[in-house]
C-alpha atoms as a PDB file:
ATOM      1  CA  MET A   1     104.404  89.509  73.091  1.00  0.00           C
ATOM      2  CA  ILE A   2     107.337  91.128  71.361  1.00  0.00           C
ATOM      3  CA  PHE A   3     107.998  94.773  72.088  1.00  0.00           C
ATOM      4  CA  GLY A   4     109.708  97.234  69.780  1.00  0.00           C
ATOM      5  CA  THR A   5     112.013 100.108  70.601  1.00  0.00           C
ATOM      6  CA  ASN A   6     111.688 101.416  74.167  1.00  0.00           C
ATOM      7  CA  GLY A   7     109.298  98.565  74.980  1.00  0.00           C
ATOM      8  CA  CYS A   8     106.520  99.923  72.794  1.00  0.00           C
ATOM      9  CA  MET A   9     104.055  97.241  71.754  1.00  0.00           C
ATOM     10  CA  TYR A  10     103.231  99.191  68.604  1.00  0.00           C
ATOM     11  CA  ASN A  11     106.889  99.466  67.544  1.00  0.00           C
ATOM     12  CA  CYS A  12     106.728 103.243  67.108  1.00  0.00           C
ATOM     13  CA  GLY A  13     110.477 103.520  67.592  1.00  0.00           C
ATOM     14  CA  ASP A  14     112.183 106.559  69.087  1.00  0.00           C
ATOM     15  CA  SER A  15     108.965 108.546  68.916  1.00  0.00           C
ATOM     16  CA  CYS A  16     107.393 106.259  71.548  1.00  0.00           C
ATOM     17  CA  THR A  17     105.712 108.218  74.337  1.00  0.00           C
ATOM     18  CA  GLY A  18     104.998 105.152  76.481  1.00  0.00           C
ATOM     19  CA  GLU A  19     101.252 105.798  76.514  1.00  0.00           C
ATOM     20  CA  CYS A  20     100.518 102.213  75.501  1.00  0.00           C
ATOM     21  CA  ARG A  21     102.371 100.710  78.475  1.00  0.00           C
ATOM     22  CA  GLU A  22     100.725 100.050  81.797  1.00  0.00           C
ATOM     23  CA  PRO A  23     102.547 101.464  84.823  1.00  0.00           C
ATOM     24  CA  ILE A  24     104.196  98.913  87.093  1.00  0.00           C
ATOM     25  CA  LYS A  25     102.556  98.854  90.495  1.00  0.00           C
ATOM     26  CA  PRO A  26     104.962  98.515  93.425  1.00  0.00           C
ATOM     27  CA  MET A  27     104.564  95.409  95.569  1.00  0.00           C
ATOM     28  CA  SER A  28     103.420  95.738  99.159  1.00  0.00           C
ATOM     29  CA  ARG A  29     105.666  94.754 102.057  1.00  0.00           C
ATOM     30  CA  LYS A  30     103.452  91.705 102.604  1.00  0.00           C
ATOM     31  CA  GLN A  31     103.833  90.616  98.962  1.00  0.00           C
ATOM     32  CA  ASN A  32     107.598  91.129  99.155  1.00  0.00           C
ATOM     33  CA  ALA A  33     107.769  89.077 102.354  1.00  0.00           C
ATOM     34  CA  ARG A  34     105.776  86.231 100.764  1.00  0.00           C
ATOM     35  CA  LEU A  35     107.990  86.258  97.677  1.00  0.00           C
ATOM     36  CA  LEU A  36     111.170  86.162  99.778  1.00  0.00           C
ATOM     37  CA  THR A  37     109.733  83.410 101.975  1.00  0.00           C
ATOM     38  CA  ASP A  38     109.073  81.320  98.874  1.00  0.00           C
ATOM     39  CA  LEU A  39     112.600  82.042  97.649  1.00  0.00           C
ATOM     40  CA  LEU A  40     114.072  81.032 100.997  1.00  0.00           C
ATOM     41  CA  GLU A  41     112.121  77.758 100.997  1.00  0.00           C
ATOM     42  CA  TYR A  42     113.260  77.033  97.431  1.00  0.00           C
ATOM     43  CA  LEU A  43     116.894  77.738  98.270  1.00  0.00           C
ATOM     44  CA  LYS A  44     116.741  75.490 101.328  1.00  0.00           C
ATOM     45  CA  GLU A  45     115.270  72.627  99.280  1.00  0.00           C
ATOM     46  CA  GLU A  46     117.261  72.935  96.065  1.00  0.00           C
ATOM     47  CA  HIS A  47     120.527  74.555  97.110  1.00  0.00           C
ATOM     48  CA  SER A  48     121.250  73.324 100.604  1.00  0.00           C
ATOM     49  CA  ASN A  49     124.979  73.648  99.928  1.00  0.00           C
ATOM     50  CA  LEU A  50     124.783  77.459 100.172  1.00  0.00           C
ATOM     51  CA  PRO A  51     126.510  79.035 103.172  1.00  0.00           C
ATOM     52  CA  ALA A  52     124.340  79.406 106.260  1.00  0.00           C
ATOM     53  CA  HIS A  53     124.711  83.192 106.292  1.00  0.00           C
ATOM     54  CA  VAL A  54     122.711  83.396 103.042  1.00  0.00           C
ATOM     55  CA  PHE A  55     119.712  81.878 104.801  1.00  0.00           C
ATOM     56  CA  GLU A  56     120.261  84.042 107.888  1.00  0.00           C
ATOM     57  CA  VAL A  57     120.342  87.284 105.885  1.00  0.00           C
ATOM     58  CA  LEU A  58     117.226  86.376 103.897  1.00  0.00           C
ATOM     59  CA  GLY A  59     115.470  85.422 107.121  1.00  0.00           C
ATOM     60  CA  GLU A  60     116.319  88.812 108.634  1.00  0.00           C
ATOM     61  CA  VAL A  61     115.013  90.657 105.565  1.00  0.00           C
ATOM     62  CA  ILE A  62     111.759  88.687 105.678  1.00  0.00           C
ATOM     63  CA  TYR A  63     111.403  89.401 109.400  1.00  0.00           C
ATOM     64  CA  ASP A  64     111.904  93.128 108.813  1.00  0.00           C
ATOM     65  CA  LEU A  65     109.328  93.171 106.001  1.00  0.00           C
ATOM     66  CA  LYS A  66     106.731  91.439 108.177  1.00  0.00           C
ATOM     67  CA  LYS A  67     106.989  94.073 110.930  1.00  0.00           C
END
């Protein structure tokens, strides 16, 4: 779907009030942890040449989110 000015799907331009857009719901800590876990697994498989501290930092963030 192509959006017009200010993301309006009706292309109402600068007069867009945003009424037509759905609000973005924030992700839960559990959803964030799952997403980061998937990212970490992908990075380990596809980009194993990354420095070890990248994996350590992501692991710490995931651990904190799961608390």
